[in-house]
Amino acid sequence: MADNGEVHGVGGEGRKRKVMVFIDETQESYCALLWVLENLQESLISSPLLIFTTEPPPNYINSFAASFSSARLYCNVLSKADLANSVQEQERKVALGLLDKAKSICTSRGVNAVTISEVGDAKDAICTAAEKHDITLLALAEQTIGRVAGTFKWSISDYCVQYAKCPVLVVKKTV
């Protein structure tokens, strides 16, 4: 039975499948993208694949021990706003690079992809984007966290499985 890209079942009659893949700087996220391209390619013919990444929110915490006014007496430093803007611009360049790489992978496999980048916490931004773009399947890589850190915070994949308002496919990297 061929997959024509339509979603069937409860509440899914007649809707085209919209798949979103979350990409970050990890190799695992590209493994998730490749898994989607290899296993869902027939359903991606009828609608573009959405590739999504996030840029961290601006951090305005001053990391200098001395105040800027006294630090300027001894060295040339950027103002707090200039430093924050510079960091944010660098994060934007990294995000665009990740999206360009992912889009070129899709293009080489004959899949039309749309890229989106948003500023914010990845967990919330992914769930919000999935709902905003009416995504029918969210795919992302399994995020591993150490046992101690995992006790106090959720990984991105765990959070999305719990809170996304669409089915979530967590792709485990094969060794």
N, C-alpha and C. Protein backbone atom coordinates (compact mmCIF):
# COMPACT_ATOMS: atom_id res chain seq x y z
N MET A 1 0.85 -1.18 0.00
CA MET A 1 0.00 0.00 0.00
C MET A 1 0.89 1.24 0.00
N ALA A 2 0.70 2.09 -0.99
CA ALA A 2 1.54 3.29 -1.13
C ALA A 2 1.06 4.40 -0.21
N ASP A 3 2.02 5.15 0.30
CA ASP A 3 1.72 6.29 1.16
C ASP A 3 1.60 7.51 0.27
N ASN A 4 0.39 8.10 0.18
CA ASN A 4 0.20 9.26 -0.68
C ASN A 4 0.36 10.58 0.07
N GLY A 5 0.83 10.52 1.30
CA GLY A 5 1.06 11.74 2.05
C GLY A 5 -0.14 12.25 2.81
N GLU A 6 -1.27 11.51 2.76
CA GLU A 6 -2.44 11.94 3.49
C GLU A 6 -2.46 11.29 4.86
N VAL A 7 -2.99 12.02 5.82
CA VAL A 7 -3.12 11.52 7.17
C VAL A 7 -4.49 10.88 7.30
N HIS A 8 -4.53 9.61 7.75
CA HIS A 8 -5.79 8.90 7.92
C HIS A 8 -5.99 8.59 9.39
N GLY A 9 -7.21 8.40 9.77
CA GLY A 9 -7.51 8.07 11.16
C GLY A 9 -8.36 9.16 11.78
N VAL A 10 -8.44 9.15 13.08
CA VAL A 10 -9.30 10.08 13.80
C VAL A 10 -8.85 11.52 13.56
N GLY A 11 -9.71 12.33 13.01
CA GLY A 11 -9.44 13.75 12.81
C GLY A 11 -8.44 14.04 11.71
N GLY A 12 -7.99 13.04 10.97
CA GLY A 12 -6.96 13.28 9.97
C GLY A 12 -7.41 13.10 8.55
N GLU A 13 -8.68 12.85 8.32
CA GLU A 13 -9.16 12.59 6.97
C GLU A 13 -8.93 13.80 6.06
N GLY A 14 -8.29 13.53 4.92
CA GLY A 14 -8.11 14.55 3.90
C GLY A 14 -6.99 15.55 4.13
N ARG A 15 -6.35 15.55 5.29
CA ARG A 15 -5.27 16.50 5.55
C ARG A 15 -3.97 15.94 5.00
N LYS A 16 -3.17 16.80 4.40
CA LYS A 16 -1.85 16.40 3.95
C LYS A 16 -0.90 16.33 5.13
N ARG A 17 0.01 15.37 5.09
CA ARG A 17 0.98 15.23 6.18
C ARG A 17 1.98 16.37 6.10
N LYS A 18 2.19 17.03 7.23
CA LYS A 18 3.20 18.08 7.34
C LYS A 18 4.20 17.62 8.39
N VAL A 19 5.42 17.40 7.93
CA VAL A 19 6.46 16.87 8.80
C VAL A 19 7.44 17.99 9.12
N MET A 20 7.82 18.09 10.40
CA MET A 20 8.82 19.05 10.84
C MET A 20 9.95 18.29 11.52
N VAL A 21 11.19 18.64 11.16
CA VAL A 21 12.38 18.05 11.77
C VAL A 21 13.13 19.15 12.49
N PHE A 22 13.48 18.89 13.74
CA PHE A 22 14.28 19.85 14.51
C PHE A 22 15.75 19.54 14.30
N ILE A 23 16.51 20.57 13.94
CA ILE A 23 17.95 20.45 13.69
C ILE A 23 18.70 21.31 14.69
N ASP A 24 19.77 20.76 15.23
CA ASP A 24 20.70 21.56 16.04
C ASP A 24 22.11 21.18 15.60
N GLU A 25 23.10 21.54 16.39
CA GLU A 25 24.49 21.32 15.97
C GLU A 25 24.97 19.89 16.19
N THR A 26 24.12 19.01 16.70
CA THR A 26 24.55 17.64 16.98
C THR A 26 24.44 16.77 15.73
N GLN A 27 25.28 15.76 15.69
CA GLN A 27 25.24 14.78 14.60
C GLN A 27 23.93 13.99 14.65
N GLU A 28 23.41 13.78 15.85
CA GLU A 28 22.17 13.02 16.01
C GLU A 28 21.01 13.68 15.29
N SER A 29 20.96 15.00 15.28
CA SER A 29 19.85 15.67 14.61
C SER A 29 19.90 15.46 13.10
N TYR A 30 21.10 15.38 12.54
CA TYR A 30 21.21 15.08 11.11
C TYR A 30 20.87 13.63 10.83
N CYS A 31 21.13 12.74 11.78
CA CYS A 31 20.70 11.35 11.64
C CYS A 31 19.17 11.28 11.59
N ALA A 32 18.51 12.09 12.42
CA ALA A 32 17.04 12.14 12.41
C ALA A 32 16.53 12.65 11.07
N LEU A 33 17.17 13.68 10.53
CA LEU A 33 16.79 14.21 9.22
C LEU A 33 16.94 13.14 8.15
N LEU A 34 18.08 12.46 8.15
CA LEU A 34 18.31 11.40 7.16
C LEU A 34 17.29 10.27 7.31
N TRP A 35 16.92 9.92 8.54
CA TRP A 35 15.92 8.88 8.76
C TRP A 35 14.60 9.29 8.13
N VAL A 36 14.20 10.54 8.36
CA VAL A 36 12.94 11.03 7.79
C VAL A 36 13.00 11.01 6.27
N LEU A 37 14.10 11.46 5.70
CA LEU A 37 14.24 11.49 4.24
C LEU A 37 14.20 10.08 3.63
N GLU A 38 14.79 9.12 4.32
CA GLU A 38 14.82 7.75 3.80
C GLU A 38 13.50 7.03 3.99
N ASN A 39 12.81 7.28 5.09
CA ASN A 39 11.63 6.49 5.42
C ASN A 39 10.30 7.16 5.13
N LEU A 40 10.28 8.46 4.95
CA LEU A 40 9.03 9.17 4.70
C LEU A 40 9.04 9.94 3.38
N GLN A 41 9.95 9.60 2.49
CA GLN A 41 10.13 10.38 1.27
C GLN A 41 8.87 10.44 0.42
N GLU A 42 8.13 9.34 0.31
CA GLU A 42 6.91 9.35 -0.51
C GLU A 42 5.88 10.34 0.01
N SER A 43 5.77 10.46 1.32
CA SER A 43 4.79 11.40 1.87
C SER A 43 5.29 12.84 1.81
N LEU A 44 6.59 13.04 1.59
CA LEU A 44 7.13 14.39 1.50
C LEU A 44 7.02 14.98 0.10
N ILE A 45 6.61 14.18 -0.86
CA ILE A 45 6.47 14.66 -2.23
C ILE A 45 5.33 15.67 -2.33
N SER A 46 4.24 15.43 -1.59
CA SER A 46 3.06 16.29 -1.72
C SER A 46 3.13 17.56 -0.89
N SER A 47 4.00 17.62 0.10
CA SER A 47 4.14 18.84 0.89
C SER A 47 5.59 18.99 1.34
N PRO A 48 6.05 20.22 1.47
CA PRO A 48 7.46 20.41 1.83
C PRO A 48 7.76 19.97 3.27
N LEU A 49 8.98 19.56 3.47
CA LEU A 49 9.47 19.22 4.80
C LEU A 49 9.85 20.52 5.49
N LEU A 50 9.42 20.68 6.71
CA LEU A 50 9.76 21.87 7.49
C LEU A 50 10.98 21.55 8.34
N ILE A 51 12.05 22.30 8.17
CA ILE A 51 13.27 22.12 8.96
C ILE A 51 13.32 23.30 9.92
N PHE A 52 13.43 23.00 11.20
CA PHE A 52 13.31 24.01 12.24
C PHE A 52 14.53 23.99 13.14
N THR A 53 15.01 25.16 13.48
CA THR A 53 16.07 25.28 14.48
C THR A 53 15.79 26.49 15.36
N THR A 54 16.50 26.55 16.46
CA THR A 54 16.31 27.67 17.37
C THR A 54 17.64 28.37 17.63
N GLU A 55 17.51 29.64 17.93
CA GLU A 55 18.66 30.42 18.40
C GLU A 55 18.42 30.68 19.88
N PRO A 56 19.44 30.55 20.71
CA PRO A 56 19.23 30.79 22.13
C PRO A 56 18.77 32.22 22.38
N PRO A 57 17.94 32.41 23.40
CA PRO A 57 17.50 33.77 23.71
C PRO A 57 18.70 34.61 24.15
N PRO A 58 18.64 35.92 23.92
CA PRO A 58 19.75 36.78 24.33
C PRO A 58 19.98 36.67 25.84
N ASN A 59 21.24 36.65 26.21
CA ASN A 59 21.61 36.59 27.62
C ASN A 59 22.28 37.90 27.97
N TYR A 60 21.62 38.69 28.77
CA TYR A 60 22.14 40.01 29.08
C TYR A 60 22.89 40.06 30.41
N ILE A 61 23.24 38.89 30.94
CA ILE A 61 23.98 38.87 32.19
C ILE A 61 25.41 39.31 31.93
N ASN A 62 25.87 40.22 32.73
CA ASN A 62 27.23 40.74 32.57
C ASN A 62 28.22 39.75 33.17
N SER A 63 29.13 39.25 32.34
CA SER A 63 30.08 38.25 32.83
C SER A 63 31.41 38.86 33.26
N PHE A 64 31.55 40.18 33.15
CA PHE A 64 32.79 40.82 33.56
C PHE A 64 32.76 41.08 35.07
N ALA A 65 33.89 40.84 35.72
CA ALA A 65 33.98 41.07 37.15
C ALA A 65 33.95 42.57 37.45
N ALA A 66 34.61 43.36 36.63
CA ALA A 66 34.65 44.81 36.83
C ALA A 66 33.51 45.45 36.06
N SER A 67 33.11 46.62 36.51
CA SER A 67 32.08 47.32 35.77
C SER A 67 32.66 47.79 34.44
N PHE A 68 31.79 48.04 33.47
CA PHE A 68 32.28 48.45 32.16
C PHE A 68 33.04 49.78 32.23
N SER A 69 32.59 50.66 33.09
CA SER A 69 33.26 51.96 33.15
C SER A 69 34.70 51.82 33.63
N SER A 70 34.95 51.00 34.65
CA SER A 70 36.33 50.83 35.10
C SER A 70 37.12 49.94 34.15
N ALA A 71 36.44 49.00 33.49
CA ALA A 71 37.14 48.12 32.55
C ALA A 71 37.63 48.92 31.34
N ARG A 72 36.88 49.93 30.96
CA ARG A 72 37.28 50.74 29.81
C ARG A 72 38.57 51.52 30.08
N LEU A 73 38.89 51.73 31.33
CA LEU A 73 40.14 52.41 31.65
C LEU A 73 41.35 51.56 31.29
N TYR A 74 41.19 50.26 31.32
CA TYR A 74 42.33 49.36 31.12
C TYR A 74 42.33 48.63 29.78
N CYS A 75 41.17 48.47 29.18
CA CYS A 75 41.13 47.77 27.89
C CYS A 75 39.93 48.23 27.09
N ASN A 76 40.02 48.02 25.81
CA ASN A 76 38.92 48.35 24.91
C ASN A 76 37.92 47.20 24.90
N VAL A 77 36.73 47.40 25.39
CA VAL A 77 35.69 46.38 25.35
C VAL A 77 34.43 46.98 24.75
N LEU A 78 33.58 46.09 24.27
CA LEU A 78 32.30 46.52 23.73
C LEU A 78 31.35 46.86 24.86
N SER A 79 30.41 47.73 24.58
CA SER A 79 29.38 48.00 25.58
C SER A 79 28.52 46.75 25.73
N LYS A 80 27.74 46.70 26.77
CA LYS A 80 26.90 45.54 27.05
C LYS A 80 25.94 45.26 25.89
N ALA A 81 25.33 46.30 25.34
CA ALA A 81 24.40 46.13 24.23
C ALA A 81 25.13 45.65 22.98
N ASP A 82 26.31 46.22 22.70
CA ASP A 82 27.08 45.80 21.53
C ASP A 82 27.52 44.35 21.65
N LEU A 83 27.92 43.95 22.83
CA LEU A 83 28.34 42.58 23.06
C LEU A 83 27.16 41.62 22.86
N ALA A 84 26.01 41.95 23.41
CA ALA A 84 24.83 41.12 23.26
C ALA A 84 24.41 41.02 21.80
N ASN A 85 24.45 42.14 21.08
CA ASN A 85 24.10 42.14 19.66
C ASN A 85 25.08 41.30 18.85
N SER A 86 26.35 41.39 19.20
CA SER A 86 27.38 40.61 18.51
C SER A 86 27.17 39.11 18.72
N VAL A 87 26.88 38.72 19.94
CA VAL A 87 26.63 37.32 20.25
C VAL A 87 25.37 36.83 19.54
N GLN A 88 24.33 37.64 19.56
CA GLN A 88 23.08 37.27 18.91
C GLN A 88 23.27 37.13 17.40
N GLU A 89 24.04 38.02 16.80
CA GLU A 89 24.32 37.93 15.36
C GLU A 89 25.10 36.65 15.03
N GLN A 90 26.05 36.29 15.89
CA GLN A 90 26.81 35.06 15.69
C GLN A 90 25.89 33.84 15.80
N GLU A 91 24.97 33.84 16.76
CA GLU A 91 24.02 32.74 16.91
C GLU A 91 23.13 32.63 15.67
N ARG A 92 22.74 33.77 15.11
CA ARG A 92 21.92 33.79 13.89
C ARG A 92 22.68 33.16 12.72
N LYS A 93 23.96 33.48 12.61
CA LYS A 93 24.79 32.91 11.54
C LYS A 93 24.91 31.39 11.69
N VAL A 94 25.08 30.94 12.92
CA VAL A 94 25.18 29.49 13.18
C VAL A 94 23.87 28.82 12.78
N ALA A 95 22.74 29.40 13.18
CA ALA A 95 21.44 28.82 12.86
C ALA A 95 21.22 28.76 11.36
N LEU A 96 21.57 29.82 10.65
CA LEU A 96 21.42 29.82 9.19
C LEU A 96 22.31 28.78 8.54
N GLY A 97 23.50 28.60 9.09
CA GLY A 97 24.41 27.57 8.57
C GLY A 97 23.83 26.18 8.76
N LEU A 98 23.25 25.92 9.92
CA LEU A 98 22.62 24.62 10.18
C LEU A 98 21.48 24.37 9.21
N LEU A 99 20.66 25.39 9.00
CA LEU A 99 19.52 25.26 8.10
C LEU A 99 19.96 25.08 6.65
N ASP A 100 20.99 25.80 6.23
CA ASP A 100 21.51 25.66 4.86
C ASP A 100 22.03 24.25 4.62
N LYS A 101 22.76 23.71 5.59
CA LYS A 101 23.29 22.34 5.46
C LYS A 101 22.15 21.33 5.35
N ALA A 102 21.14 21.48 6.21
CA ALA A 102 20.01 20.56 6.19
C ALA A 102 19.22 20.68 4.88
N LYS A 103 19.04 21.91 4.42
CA LYS A 103 18.29 22.10 3.17
C LYS A 103 19.04 21.51 1.98
N SER A 104 20.36 21.62 1.98
CA SER A 104 21.13 21.04 0.87
C SER A 104 21.05 19.51 0.89
N ILE A 105 20.99 18.93 2.08
CA ILE A 105 20.80 17.47 2.18
C ILE A 105 19.46 17.08 1.58
N CYS A 106 18.42 17.85 1.90
CA CYS A 106 17.08 17.57 1.36
C CYS A 106 17.06 17.73 -0.16
N THR A 107 17.66 18.81 -0.65
CA THR A 107 17.69 19.06 -2.09
C THR A 107 18.41 17.95 -2.83
N SER A 108 19.51 17.45 -2.26
CA SER A 108 20.26 16.37 -2.92
C SER A 108 19.45 15.08 -3.00
N ARG A 109 18.42 14.96 -2.16
CA ARG A 109 17.56 13.77 -2.17
C ARG A 109 16.21 14.05 -2.84
N GLY A 110 16.08 15.21 -3.46
CA GLY A 110 14.87 15.53 -4.21
C GLY A 110 13.68 15.92 -3.35
N VAL A 111 13.92 16.39 -2.14
CA VAL A 111 12.83 16.79 -1.24
C VAL A 111 12.83 18.30 -1.09
N ASN A 112 11.66 18.89 -1.27
CA ASN A 112 11.50 20.33 -1.10
C ASN A 112 11.43 20.62 0.40
N ALA A 113 12.27 21.53 0.87
CA ALA A 113 12.30 21.85 2.30
C ALA A 113 12.12 23.34 2.52
N VAL A 114 11.45 23.67 3.60
CA VAL A 114 11.26 25.05 4.04
C VAL A 114 11.98 25.15 5.38
N THR A 115 12.77 26.21 5.55
CA THR A 115 13.53 26.37 6.79
C THR A 115 12.96 27.49 7.64
N ILE A 116 12.98 27.26 8.95
CA ILE A 116 12.49 28.25 9.91
C ILE A 116 13.43 28.28 11.09
N SER A 117 13.75 29.49 11.55
CA SER A 117 14.55 29.67 12.75
C SER A 117 13.84 30.64 13.67
N GLU A 118 13.80 30.31 14.95
CA GLU A 118 13.18 31.20 15.92
C GLU A 118 14.10 31.35 17.11
N VAL A 119 13.99 32.50 17.78
CA VAL A 119 14.76 32.77 18.98
C VAL A 119 13.97 32.33 20.19
N GLY A 120 14.61 31.58 21.07
CA GLY A 120 13.94 31.17 22.30
C GLY A 120 14.43 29.84 22.78
N ASP A 121 13.89 29.40 23.90
CA ASP A 121 14.20 28.10 24.46
C ASP A 121 13.73 27.03 23.49
N ALA A 122 14.60 26.10 23.14
CA ALA A 122 14.30 25.10 22.11
C ALA A 122 13.04 24.30 22.43
N LYS A 123 12.88 23.88 23.67
CA LYS A 123 11.75 23.03 24.04
C LYS A 123 10.42 23.72 23.73
N ASP A 124 10.27 24.93 24.22
CA ASP A 124 9.02 25.66 24.01
C ASP A 124 8.85 26.07 22.55
N ALA A 125 9.93 26.50 21.92
CA ALA A 125 9.85 26.97 20.53
C ALA A 125 9.44 25.85 19.58
N ILE A 126 9.94 24.64 19.81
CA ILE A 126 9.58 23.51 18.95
C ILE A 126 8.09 23.21 19.06
N CYS A 127 7.60 23.10 20.28
CA CYS A 127 6.18 22.79 20.49
C CYS A 127 5.28 23.89 19.93
N THR A 128 5.66 25.14 20.13
CA THR A 128 4.89 26.26 19.61
C THR A 128 4.89 26.27 18.08
N ALA A 129 6.04 26.04 17.47
CA ALA A 129 6.12 26.03 16.01
C ALA A 129 5.32 24.87 15.41
N ALA A 130 5.36 23.71 16.07
CA ALA A 130 4.59 22.57 15.57
C ALA A 130 3.10 22.88 15.56
N GLU A 131 2.63 23.54 16.59
CA GLU A 131 1.22 23.91 16.65
C GLU A 131 0.89 25.02 15.65
N LYS A 132 1.75 26.02 15.58
CA LYS A 132 1.55 27.18 14.69
C LYS A 132 1.48 26.77 13.22
N HIS A 133 2.32 25.80 12.83
CA HIS A 133 2.39 25.38 11.42
C HIS A 133 1.54 24.15 11.13
N ASP A 134 0.69 23.76 12.07
CA ASP A 134 -0.22 22.64 11.91
C ASP A 134 0.52 21.36 11.48
N ILE A 135 1.58 21.05 12.22
CA ILE A 135 2.42 19.89 11.92
C ILE A 135 1.70 18.61 12.31
N THR A 136 1.77 17.59 11.44
CA THR A 136 1.15 16.30 11.75
C THR A 136 2.15 15.28 12.26
N LEU A 137 3.46 15.54 12.10
CA LEU A 137 4.49 14.67 12.65
C LEU A 137 5.74 15.49 12.94
N LEU A 138 6.18 15.45 14.18
CA LEU A 138 7.40 16.13 14.60
C LEU A 138 8.49 15.08 14.78
N ALA A 139 9.61 15.26 14.10
CA ALA A 139 10.72 14.31 14.22
C ALA A 139 11.93 15.03 14.80
N LEU A 140 12.55 14.38 15.77
CA LEU A 140 13.77 14.94 16.35
C LEU A 140 14.63 13.82 16.90
N ALA A 141 15.87 14.17 17.15
CA ALA A 141 16.82 13.19 17.63
C ALA A 141 16.66 12.97 19.12
N GLU A 142 17.02 11.78 19.53
CA GLU A 142 17.04 11.49 20.96
C GLU A 142 18.16 12.28 21.59
N GLN A 143 17.85 12.99 22.63
CA GLN A 143 18.85 13.78 23.36
C GLN A 143 19.26 13.00 24.59
N THR A 144 20.55 12.84 24.77
CA THR A 144 20.99 12.12 25.96
C THR A 144 21.50 13.12 26.99
N ILE A 145 21.11 12.88 28.22
CA ILE A 145 21.53 13.72 29.34
C ILE A 145 22.10 12.76 30.39
N GLY A 146 23.12 13.20 31.07
CA GLY A 146 23.68 12.38 32.14
C GLY A 146 22.65 12.09 33.21
N ARG A 147 22.89 11.06 34.01
CA ARG A 147 21.90 10.66 35.01
C ARG A 147 21.64 11.76 36.03
N VAL A 148 22.65 12.46 36.47
CA VAL A 148 22.45 13.52 37.48
C VAL A 148 21.68 14.68 36.87
N ALA A 149 22.11 15.15 35.70
CA ALA A 149 21.42 16.27 35.06
C ALA A 149 20.00 15.87 34.66
N GLY A 150 19.82 14.63 34.21
CA GLY A 150 18.50 14.15 33.81
C GLY A 150 17.50 14.14 34.94
N THR A 151 17.98 14.06 36.17
CA THR A 151 17.09 14.08 37.32
C THR A 151 16.44 15.45 37.49
N PHE A 152 17.15 16.49 37.09
CA PHE A 152 16.68 17.85 37.34
C PHE A 152 16.10 18.55 36.11
N LYS A 153 16.40 18.07 34.93
CA LYS A 153 15.83 18.72 33.74
C LYS A 153 15.53 17.70 32.66
N TRP A 154 14.58 18.06 31.81
CA TRP A 154 14.16 17.17 30.73
C TRP A 154 15.00 17.45 29.50
N SER A 155 15.21 16.42 28.70
CA SER A 155 15.84 16.63 27.41
C SER A 155 14.79 17.23 26.47
N ILE A 156 15.26 17.74 25.36
CA ILE A 156 14.35 18.34 24.38
C ILE A 156 13.36 17.28 23.89
N SER A 157 13.86 16.09 23.57
CA SER A 157 12.97 15.05 23.05
C SER A 157 11.93 14.63 24.09
N ASP A 158 12.34 14.47 25.35
CA ASP A 158 11.39 14.11 26.40
C ASP A 158 10.30 15.17 26.54
N TYR A 159 10.72 16.43 26.53
CA TYR A 159 9.77 17.53 26.68
C TYR A 159 8.77 17.55 25.52
N CYS A 160 9.26 17.39 24.30
CA CYS A 160 8.37 17.43 23.13
C CYS A 160 7.41 16.26 23.11
N VAL A 161 7.88 15.07 23.52
CA VAL A 161 6.99 13.92 23.59
C VAL A 161 5.85 14.22 24.56
N GLN A 162 6.15 14.88 25.65
CA GLN A 162 5.14 15.17 26.68
C GLN A 162 4.20 16.31 26.28
N TYR A 163 4.71 17.38 25.64
CA TYR A 163 3.93 18.59 25.47
C TYR A 163 3.55 18.97 24.04
N ALA A 164 4.13 18.37 23.03
CA ALA A 164 3.76 18.72 21.66
C ALA A 164 2.34 18.24 21.39
N LYS A 165 1.60 18.99 20.59
CA LYS A 165 0.21 18.65 20.31
C LYS A 165 0.08 17.92 18.98
N CYS A 166 1.10 17.13 18.66
CA CYS A 166 1.10 16.30 17.47
C CYS A 166 1.94 15.06 17.78
N PRO A 167 1.83 14.03 16.96
CA PRO A 167 2.70 12.86 17.18
C PRO A 167 4.17 13.25 17.07
N VAL A 168 5.01 12.66 17.92
CA VAL A 168 6.43 12.95 17.94
C VAL A 168 7.20 11.67 17.66
N LEU A 169 8.11 11.74 16.71
CA LEU A 169 8.99 10.63 16.37
C LEU A 169 10.38 10.96 16.89
N VAL A 170 10.86 10.16 17.83
CA VAL A 170 12.20 10.36 18.37
C VAL A 170 13.11 9.33 17.71
N VAL A 171 14.09 9.82 16.97
CA VAL A 171 15.00 8.94 16.23
C VAL A 171 16.25 8.72 17.06
N LYS A 172 16.52 7.46 17.31
CA LYS A 172 17.71 7.08 18.07
C LYS A 172 18.84 6.82 17.09
N LYS A 173 19.99 7.39 17.37
CA LYS A 173 21.15 7.23 16.49
C LYS A 173 21.60 5.77 16.52
N THR A 174 21.75 5.22 15.34
CA THR A 174 22.25 3.85 15.26
C THR A 174 23.76 3.87 15.18
N VAL A 175 24.38 2.93 15.85
CA VAL A 175 25.84 2.89 15.91
C VAL A 175 26.39 2.08 14.78
